[in-house]
N, C-alpha and C. Protein backbone atom coordinates (compact mmCIF):
# COMPACT_ATOMS: atom_id res chain seq x y z
N MET A 1 11.66 -19.27 16.34
CA MET A 1 12.94 -18.66 16.04
C MET A 1 12.28 -16.84 15.77
N GLU A 2 13.06 -16.41 15.91
CA GLU A 2 12.36 -14.96 15.70
C GLU A 2 12.62 -14.06 14.51
N LYS A 3 11.87 -13.74 13.68
CA LYS A 3 12.20 -12.78 12.38
C LYS A 3 12.72 -11.71 12.67
N ARG A 4 13.76 -11.21 11.63
CA ARG A 4 14.19 -9.76 12.10
C ARG A 4 14.29 -9.12 10.39
N LEU A 5 13.83 -8.08 10.53
CA LEU A 5 13.71 -7.01 9.23
C LEU A 5 15.43 -6.14 9.22
N ILE A 6 16.21 -6.36 8.12
CA ILE A 6 17.48 -5.53 8.36
C ILE A 6 17.42 -4.86 6.77
N PRO A 7 17.28 -3.52 7.22
CA PRO A 7 17.35 -2.47 6.35
C PRO A 7 18.63 -2.50 5.42
N THR A 8 18.95 -2.36 3.93
CA THR A 8 19.92 -2.34 2.91
C THR A 8 20.14 -0.97 2.74
N PHE A 9 21.30 -0.67 2.13
CA PHE A 9 21.58 0.79 1.79
C PHE A 9 21.09 1.76 2.61
N ASN A 10 20.53 2.67 1.88
CA ASN A 10 20.16 4.01 2.90
C ASN A 10 18.91 4.23 3.35
N ARG A 11 18.08 2.86 3.62
CA ARG A 11 17.05 2.82 4.01
C ARG A 11 16.64 2.69 5.82
N ILE A 12 15.85 2.97 6.38
CA ILE A 12 15.35 2.75 7.97
C ILE A 12 14.27 1.81 7.96
N LEU A 13 13.94 1.55 9.13
CA LEU A 13 13.01 0.44 9.66
C LEU A 13 12.22 1.63 10.94
N VAL A 14 11.07 1.93 10.49
CA VAL A 14 10.59 2.44 11.60
C VAL A 14 9.43 2.10 12.32
N GLU A 15 8.59 1.88 13.52
CA GLU A 15 7.75 1.66 14.04
C GLU A 15 6.67 2.68 14.69
N LYS A 16 5.41 2.74 14.04
CA LYS A 16 4.68 3.66 14.23
C LYS A 16 4.41 3.99 15.62
N ILE A 17 4.13 5.13 16.47
CA ILE A 17 3.69 5.24 17.81
C ILE A 17 2.33 5.85 17.45
N ILE A 18 1.81 5.19 18.61
CA ILE A 18 0.17 5.28 18.35
C ILE A 18 -0.12 6.20 19.55
N PRO A 19 -0.43 7.44 19.27
CA PRO A 19 -0.86 8.06 20.20
C PRO A 19 -2.09 7.60 21.48
N PRO A 20 -1.84 8.39 22.58
CA PRO A 20 -2.70 7.94 23.50
C PRO A 20 -4.40 8.28 23.25
N SER A 21 -5.50 7.43 23.73
CA SER A 21 -6.79 7.86 23.60
C SER A 21 -6.98 8.66 24.76
N LYS A 22 -6.36 8.94 25.87
CA LYS A 22 -6.77 9.22 27.39
C LYS A 22 -5.29 10.19 27.55
N THR A 23 -5.65 11.33 28.24
CA THR A 23 -4.85 12.09 28.84
C THR A 23 -4.33 11.37 30.03
N ASN A 24 -2.97 11.73 30.58
CA ASN A 24 -2.85 11.37 32.17
C ASN A 24 -3.68 12.00 33.21
N THR A 25 -4.87 12.93 33.03
CA THR A 25 -5.54 13.09 34.11
C THR A 25 -7.06 12.54 33.95
N GLY A 26 -6.95 11.66 32.71
CA GLY A 26 -8.30 10.84 32.51
C GLY A 26 -9.30 11.38 31.18
N ILE A 27 -9.10 12.28 30.79
CA ILE A 27 -9.65 12.89 29.82
C ILE A 27 -9.72 12.42 28.72
N LEU A 28 -10.83 11.59 28.33
CA LEU A 28 -11.05 10.80 27.07
C LEU A 28 -10.81 11.87 25.43
N LEU A 29 -9.73 11.15 24.65
CA LEU A 29 -9.90 12.36 23.46
C LEU A 29 -10.78 11.56 22.54
N PRO A 30 -11.32 12.47 21.66
CA PRO A 30 -12.24 11.85 20.41
C PRO A 30 -11.11 11.65 19.05
N GLU A 31 -11.47 10.66 18.52
CA GLU A 31 -10.46 10.03 17.50
C GLU A 31 -10.57 10.86 16.04
N LYS A 32 -11.67 12.07 16.34
CA LYS A 32 -11.38 12.81 15.29
C LYS A 32 -10.06 13.65 15.25
N THR A 33 -9.51 13.82 16.09
CA THR A 33 -8.30 14.71 16.70
C THR A 33 -7.60 14.36 15.79
N PRO A 34 -6.67 15.58 15.30
CA PRO A 34 -5.48 15.10 14.07
C PRO A 34 -4.56 14.38 14.64
N LYS A 35 -4.08 13.38 14.20
CA LYS A 35 -2.79 12.68 14.43
C LYS A 35 -1.66 13.06 13.68
N LEU A 36 -0.85 12.88 14.72
CA LEU A 36 0.67 13.36 13.95
C LEU A 36 1.51 11.92 13.88
N ASN A 37 1.84 11.74 12.84
CA ASN A 37 2.15 10.65 11.97
C ASN A 37 3.91 10.90 12.54
N SER A 38 4.14 10.09 13.69
CA SER A 38 5.55 10.13 13.94
C SER A 38 5.57 8.50 14.38
N GLY A 39 7.50 8.29 14.34
CA GLY A 39 7.35 6.85 14.74
C GLY A 39 9.22 6.57 14.93
N LYS A 40 9.41 5.45 15.61
CA LYS A 40 10.43 5.48 16.36
C LYS A 40 11.59 4.48 15.15
N VAL A 41 12.76 5.34 15.14
CA VAL A 41 13.63 4.52 14.40
C VAL A 41 14.41 3.22 15.22
N VAL A 42 13.66 1.82 14.21
CA VAL A 42 14.10 0.61 15.00
C VAL A 42 15.80 0.13 14.25
N ALA A 43 15.30 0.34 13.12
CA ALA A 43 16.91 -0.35 12.28
C ALA A 43 17.37 0.89 11.38
N VAL A 44 18.79 1.00 11.13
CA VAL A 44 19.35 1.77 9.90
C VAL A 44 20.37 0.89 9.29
N GLY A 45 20.13 1.23 7.84
CA GLY A 45 20.76 0.54 6.77
C GLY A 45 22.09 1.44 6.85
N PRO A 46 23.39 0.92 6.19
CA PRO A 46 24.86 1.05 6.60
C PRO A 46 24.57 2.74 5.66
N GLY A 47 24.12 2.95 4.65
CA GLY A 47 23.81 4.11 3.75
C GLY A 47 24.26 3.48 2.50
N ALA A 48 24.30 4.72 1.45
CA ALA A 48 24.20 4.86 0.43
C ALA A 48 25.92 5.09 -0.16
N ARG A 49 26.10 4.52 -1.17
CA ARG A 49 27.86 4.76 -1.92
C ARG A 49 27.54 5.78 -3.30
N ASP A 50 28.74 6.71 -2.90
CA ASP A 50 28.45 8.06 -4.29
C ASP A 50 29.30 7.14 -5.35
N LYS A 51 29.56 8.07 -6.53
CA LYS A 51 30.48 7.78 -7.63
C LYS A 51 31.51 7.05 -7.52
N ASP A 52 32.11 7.45 -6.47
CA ASP A 52 33.65 7.03 -6.03
C ASP A 52 33.72 5.61 -4.98
N CYS A 53 32.27 5.48 -4.97
CA CYS A 53 31.99 4.13 -3.85
C CYS A 53 32.26 4.12 -2.80
N LYS A 54 32.59 5.53 -2.11
CA LYS A 54 32.76 6.17 -1.00
C LYS A 54 31.09 6.09 -0.05
N LEU A 55 31.57 5.41 1.10
CA LEU A 55 30.20 5.05 1.75
C LEU A 55 29.51 6.71 2.36
N ILE A 56 28.29 6.67 2.11
CA ILE A 56 28.10 8.21 2.79
C ILE A 56 26.84 7.62 3.57
N PRO A 57 27.14 7.99 5.18
CA PRO A 57 26.40 7.43 6.10
C PRO A 57 24.75 7.78 6.38
N VAL A 58 23.87 6.87 6.81
CA VAL A 58 22.64 7.69 7.02
C VAL A 58 23.07 8.37 8.60
N THR A 59 22.52 9.74 8.46
CA THR A 59 22.08 10.47 9.78
C THR A 59 21.37 10.15 10.94
N MET A 60 20.73 9.36 10.53
CA MET A 60 19.80 8.79 11.96
C MET A 60 20.21 7.59 12.77
N LYS A 61 19.66 7.63 14.07
CA LYS A 61 20.36 6.32 14.46
C LYS A 61 19.02 5.84 15.20
N GLU A 62 19.43 4.26 15.61
CA GLU A 62 18.33 3.74 16.22
C GLU A 62 17.67 4.41 17.61
N GLY A 63 16.28 4.65 17.57
CA GLY A 63 15.97 5.23 18.77
C GLY A 63 15.30 6.56 18.36
N ASP A 64 15.84 7.18 17.37
CA ASP A 64 15.40 8.62 17.11
C ASP A 64 13.89 8.68 16.96
N THR A 65 13.10 9.58 16.97
CA THR A 65 12.04 10.04 16.40
C THR A 65 11.73 10.96 15.55
N VAL A 66 11.06 10.26 14.85
CA VAL A 66 11.07 11.15 13.22
C VAL A 66 9.14 11.26 12.73
N LEU A 67 9.02 12.15 12.05
CA LEU A 67 7.75 12.05 11.69
C LEU A 67 7.72 11.73 9.86
N LEU A 68 6.69 10.91 9.93
CA LEU A 68 6.22 9.90 8.45
C LEU A 68 5.49 11.10 7.81
N PRO A 69 5.60 10.91 6.39
CA PRO A 69 4.96 10.91 5.02
C PRO A 69 3.08 10.67 5.25
N GLU A 70 2.40 11.04 4.91
CA GLU A 70 0.95 10.39 5.10
C GLU A 70 0.82 9.17 3.96
N TYR A 71 1.43 9.49 3.34
CA TYR A 71 1.31 8.66 1.77
C TYR A 71 2.63 7.84 0.93
N GLY A 72 3.77 8.00 1.87
CA GLY A 72 5.02 7.86 1.99
C GLY A 72 5.39 6.48 2.62
N GLY A 73 6.54 5.87 2.11
CA GLY A 73 7.15 4.75 2.82
C GLY A 73 6.50 3.33 2.10
N THR A 74 6.79 2.32 2.63
CA THR A 74 6.34 0.93 2.77
C THR A 74 6.00 0.33 3.91
N GLU A 75 4.63 0.10 3.87
CA GLU A 75 4.11 -0.45 5.42
C GLU A 75 4.35 -2.11 4.90
N VAL A 76 5.09 -2.36 5.92
CA VAL A 76 5.59 -3.80 6.40
C VAL A 76 4.93 -4.56 7.62
N LYS A 77 4.32 -5.74 7.69
CA LYS A 77 3.93 -6.01 9.06
C LYS A 77 4.12 -7.32 9.34
N LEU A 78 4.66 -7.31 10.44
CA LEU A 78 5.81 -8.64 10.92
C LEU A 78 5.15 -8.95 12.01
N GLY A 79 4.32 -10.27 12.08
CA GLY A 79 3.28 -10.66 13.31
C GLY A 79 2.54 -9.62 13.69
N GLU A 80 2.34 -9.27 14.90
CA GLU A 80 1.44 -8.22 15.43
C GLU A 80 1.51 -6.94 15.28
N LYS A 81 2.84 -6.42 14.66
CA LYS A 81 3.43 -5.08 14.74
C LYS A 81 3.40 -4.72 13.14
N GLU A 82 3.29 -3.16 13.22
CA GLU A 82 3.52 -2.77 11.57
C GLU A 82 4.32 -1.96 11.36
């Protein structure tokens, strides 16, 4: 049985994009190059509620590419993926 993570409230689930270590022309990139922390949105929660209990939807949708903070968020490992 496959496990699924479903975000609640205004949270999103992001899968980190690992940059390639080689270019299309075959040039190997050193590991010291600055890495851009980016990820792909996998799942989106329904949103938060305001004081009147009205739903405020999340503006992102599945498939969007987002930038990740270096020390923010919560890392989760499910199987082989982080």
